[in-house]
Amino acid sequence: MKCYKQNCPGSEHNELITYAVRPGGRVMVINHVPAMVCDFCGATAFSYETSLQLEHIRYGELEPLGSVPLYDYAQAFPERLREKLVANGYGTVNMTELPPFKCRLPGHPGVYQQETIVYQRCRNGQLVVVDHVPRLVCNICTDTLYEEQTLRQLDKLLESDIAPSGAVPLYDFAQGAEAQSDKELATVGK
């Protein structure tokens, strides 16, 4: 199936992904989430059923299977953004004050906006999570750009022996399905 993003030439395929989110300010990681992933731009889409299940896990009262290390990009590189702005002649302005630039996809009207995300990656066979990683996202098609320096700093952080700032709960997508089935059976039995 063709990618849902406007003007993206890619095709979507089924894949199990790791999904890291920050609902209500707390980070959580969900493994083995079925998704449609674009082979060109990496856009991720969930079916309606998967979206419902993710909401159940995010806001339910499930016990996590374990935890994964959490690093905080903003703590590791507090001067990163300010130095970049000064180097580019922007003084100490906020990113929100910078002029937007157009989406890179041809003929697309969107503009990139700065946001921070929860980033996850495997390191030595173990999943690790880094919070507050800056990226640029198109406000229409969600095309995503990371600065080369940001990716280098993520590598540096994850290859260092800096201790994580904490740990976050790890859930498995199947957990939510089992809990939802148990809840439905309990409702039917009443």
Protein backbone atom coordinates (compact mmCIF):
# COMPACT_ATOMS: atom_id res chain seq x y z
CA MET A 1 0.00 0.00 0.00
CA LYS A 2 1.23 3.54 -0.79
CA CYS A 3 2.49 5.72 2.05
CA TYR A 4 -0.19 7.95 3.59
CA LYS A 5 2.09 11.02 3.47
CA GLN A 6 1.34 13.44 0.67
CA ASN A 7 3.88 13.15 -2.20
CA CYS A 8 5.91 10.38 -0.53
CA PRO A 9 6.87 7.75 -3.15
CA GLY A 10 7.23 4.97 -0.56
CA SER A 11 5.14 1.91 0.19
CA GLU A 12 3.96 0.68 3.57
CA HIS A 13 4.73 -2.78 4.94
CA ASN A 14 3.73 -4.58 8.15
CA GLU A 15 6.33 -4.52 10.90
CA LEU A 16 6.52 -4.98 14.68
CA ILE A 17 8.01 -1.84 16.23
CA THR A 18 9.03 -0.49 19.61
CA TYR A 19 6.84 2.48 20.52
CA ALA A 20 8.05 5.03 23.07
CA VAL A 21 5.64 7.71 24.28
CA ARG A 22 5.38 10.39 26.95
CA PRO A 23 1.73 10.40 28.12
CA GLY A 24 1.15 12.85 30.93
CA GLY A 25 4.86 13.63 31.23
CA ARG A 26 6.00 10.08 32.02
CA VAL A 27 7.92 8.00 29.51
CA MET A 28 6.88 4.44 28.72
CA VAL A 29 7.99 1.89 26.11
CA ILE A 30 5.79 -0.71 24.41
CA ASN A 31 7.43 -3.56 22.48
CA HIS A 32 6.12 -5.60 19.55
CA VAL A 33 3.51 -3.10 18.33
CA PRO A 34 2.07 -4.02 14.89
CA ALA A 35 2.40 -1.06 12.52
CA MET A 36 2.45 -0.08 8.87
CA VAL A 37 5.89 1.47 8.19
CA CYS A 38 6.86 3.35 5.02
CA ASP A 39 9.99 1.94 3.37
CA PHE A 40 10.97 5.41 2.11
CA CYS A 41 10.22 8.01 4.79
CA GLY A 42 9.74 5.77 7.85
CA ALA A 43 6.25 7.09 8.60
CA THR A 44 4.37 4.83 10.98
CA ALA A 45 0.64 4.19 11.00
CA PHE A 46 -1.48 2.02 13.29
CA SER A 47 -4.75 0.26 12.60
CA TYR A 48 -7.79 1.37 14.56
CA GLU A 49 -7.60 -1.79 16.71
CA THR A 50 -3.90 -1.23 17.43
CA SER A 51 -4.59 2.42 18.37
CA LEU A 52 -7.28 1.33 20.83
CA GLN A 53 -4.95 -1.26 22.33
CA LEU A 54 -2.15 1.33 22.70
CA GLU A 55 -4.54 3.67 24.50
CA HIS A 56 -5.51 0.83 26.83
CA ILE A 57 -1.84 0.18 27.65
CA ARG A 58 -0.99 3.88 28.01
CA TYR A 59 -3.86 4.67 30.36
CA GLY A 60 -4.59 1.27 31.85
CA GLU A 61 -3.30 -0.14 35.08
CA LEU A 62 -1.03 -2.85 33.70
CA GLU A 63 2.14 -3.90 35.48
CA PRO A 64 5.23 -3.42 33.31
CA LEU A 65 7.25 -6.48 32.27
CA GLY A 66 10.44 -4.71 33.27
CA SER A 67 12.25 -1.47 32.67
CA VAL A 68 14.79 0.04 30.30
CA PRO A 69 17.46 2.68 30.95
CA LEU A 70 16.43 6.30 30.38
CA TYR A 71 18.81 9.07 29.35
CA ASP A 72 17.83 12.72 29.07
CA TYR A 73 19.27 14.52 26.04
CA ALA A 74 18.56 17.95 27.55
CA GLN A 75 20.55 17.05 30.68
CA ALA A 76 23.42 15.52 28.72
CA PHE A 77 23.73 18.47 26.31
CA PRO A 78 22.22 21.53 28.06
CA GLU A 79 24.13 24.08 25.99
CA ARG A 80 23.60 22.32 22.65
CA LEU A 81 20.70 24.37 21.33
CA ARG A 82 21.89 27.76 22.62
CA GLU A 83 25.37 27.23 21.10
CA LYS A 84 23.84 26.31 17.76
CA LEU A 85 21.67 29.41 17.69
CA VAL A 86 24.55 31.73 18.60
CA ALA A 87 26.80 30.10 15.98
CA ASN A 88 24.12 30.70 13.34
CA GLY A 89 23.74 34.37 14.27
CA TYR A 90 20.47 34.08 16.15
CA GLY A 91 21.78 35.27 19.54
CA THR A 92 19.69 33.72 22.29
CA VAL A 93 16.30 33.58 20.58
CA ASN A 94 13.91 30.68 20.99
CA MET A 95 13.46 28.19 18.15
CA THR A 96 9.82 29.30 17.96
CA GLU A 97 11.03 32.74 16.85
CA LEU A 98 13.04 31.37 13.91
CA PRO A 99 11.46 31.52 10.44
CA PRO A 100 9.99 28.16 9.35
CA PHE A 101 11.32 26.37 6.31
CA LYS A 102 9.32 24.40 3.76
CA CYS A 103 8.93 20.65 3.73
CA ARG A 104 11.52 18.91 1.54
CA LEU A 105 8.93 16.84 -0.33
CA PRO A 106 8.34 18.36 -3.81
CA GLY A 107 5.16 20.41 -4.16
CA HIS A 108 4.30 20.01 -0.49
CA PRO A 109 2.98 23.12 1.37
CA GLY A 110 4.06 22.09 4.89
CA VAL A 111 6.73 23.69 7.07
CA TYR A 112 9.04 22.11 9.65
CA GLN A 113 8.49 22.78 13.32
CA GLN A 114 10.78 21.91 16.23
CA GLU A 115 9.67 19.33 18.78
CA THR A 116 11.31 16.94 21.21
CA ILE A 117 10.61 13.24 21.28
CA VAL A 118 11.33 10.04 23.14
CA TYR A 119 14.00 8.26 21.07
CA GLN A 120 14.75 4.56 21.42
CA ARG A 121 17.56 2.38 20.13
CA CYS A 122 19.28 -0.91 20.93
CA ARG A 123 22.74 -0.73 22.46
CA ASN A 124 24.67 -3.95 22.94
CA GLY A 125 21.44 -5.91 22.56
CA GLN A 126 19.57 -3.84 25.17
CA LEU A 127 16.88 -1.29 24.45
CA VAL A 128 17.70 2.20 25.75
CA VAL A 129 15.56 5.34 25.70
CA VAL A 130 16.61 8.99 25.41
CA ASP A 131 14.03 11.66 26.25
CA HIS A 132 13.84 15.24 24.94
CA VAL A 133 15.66 14.61 21.64
CA PRO A 134 15.15 17.57 19.26
CA ARG A 135 13.89 17.04 15.73
CA LEU A 136 12.06 18.94 13.01
CA VAL A 137 8.67 17.68 11.85
CA CYS A 138 6.53 18.85 8.92
CA ASN A 139 3.28 20.25 10.27
CA ILE A 140 1.25 18.53 7.52
CA CYS A 141 2.87 15.26 6.47
CA THR A 142 5.02 14.62 9.59
CA ASP A 143 8.22 14.20 7.55
CA THR A 144 10.99 14.17 10.15
CA LEU A 145 14.52 15.55 10.10
CA TYR A 146 17.27 15.11 12.66
CA GLU A 147 20.33 17.31 12.58
CA GLU A 148 23.56 15.43 11.94
CA GLN A 149 25.02 16.85 15.16
CA THR A 150 22.04 15.59 17.16
CA LEU A 151 22.58 12.06 15.81
CA ARG A 152 26.31 12.27 16.56
CA GLN A 153 25.57 13.41 20.10
CA LEU A 154 23.10 10.54 20.56
CA ASP A 155 25.84 8.12 19.47
CA LYS A 156 28.29 9.79 21.84
CA LEU A 157 25.82 9.61 24.74
CA LEU A 158 24.92 5.96 24.16
CA GLU A 159 28.56 4.89 23.65
CA SER A 160 29.73 6.67 26.80
CA ASP A 161 29.74 5.25 30.28
CA ILE A 162 27.42 8.01 31.53
CA ALA A 163 24.87 6.50 33.91
CA PRO A 164 21.23 6.69 32.86
CA SER A 165 19.13 9.34 34.61
CA GLY A 166 16.56 6.68 35.50
CA ALA A 167 14.52 3.81 34.10
CA VAL A 168 11.17 3.65 32.34
CA PRO A 169 8.54 0.90 32.32
CA LEU A 170 8.59 -1.62 29.50
CA TYR A 171 5.34 -3.19 28.31
CA ASP A 172 4.60 -5.72 25.61
CA PHE A 173 1.76 -5.07 23.17
CA ALA A 174 0.35 -8.55 23.86
CA GLN A 175 -0.07 -7.59 27.54
CA GLY A 176 -2.69 -5.03 26.62
CA ALA A 177 -4.57 -7.50 24.44
CA GLU A 178 -4.67 -10.07 27.24
CA ALA A 179 -5.83 -7.50 29.80
CA GLN A 180 -8.50 -6.18 27.42
CA SER A 181 -9.78 -9.73 26.76
CA ASP A 182 -9.93 -10.44 30.51
CA LYS A 183 -11.85 -7.18 31.05
CA GLU A 184 -14.32 -8.04 28.27
CA LEU A 185 -14.85 -11.53 29.72
CA ALA A 186 -15.47 -10.05 33.17
CA THR A 187 -18.01 -7.62 31.70
CA VAL A 188 -19.84 -10.43 29.85
CA GLY A 189 -19.88 -12.55 33.03
CA LYS A 190 -21.71 -9.86 35.04
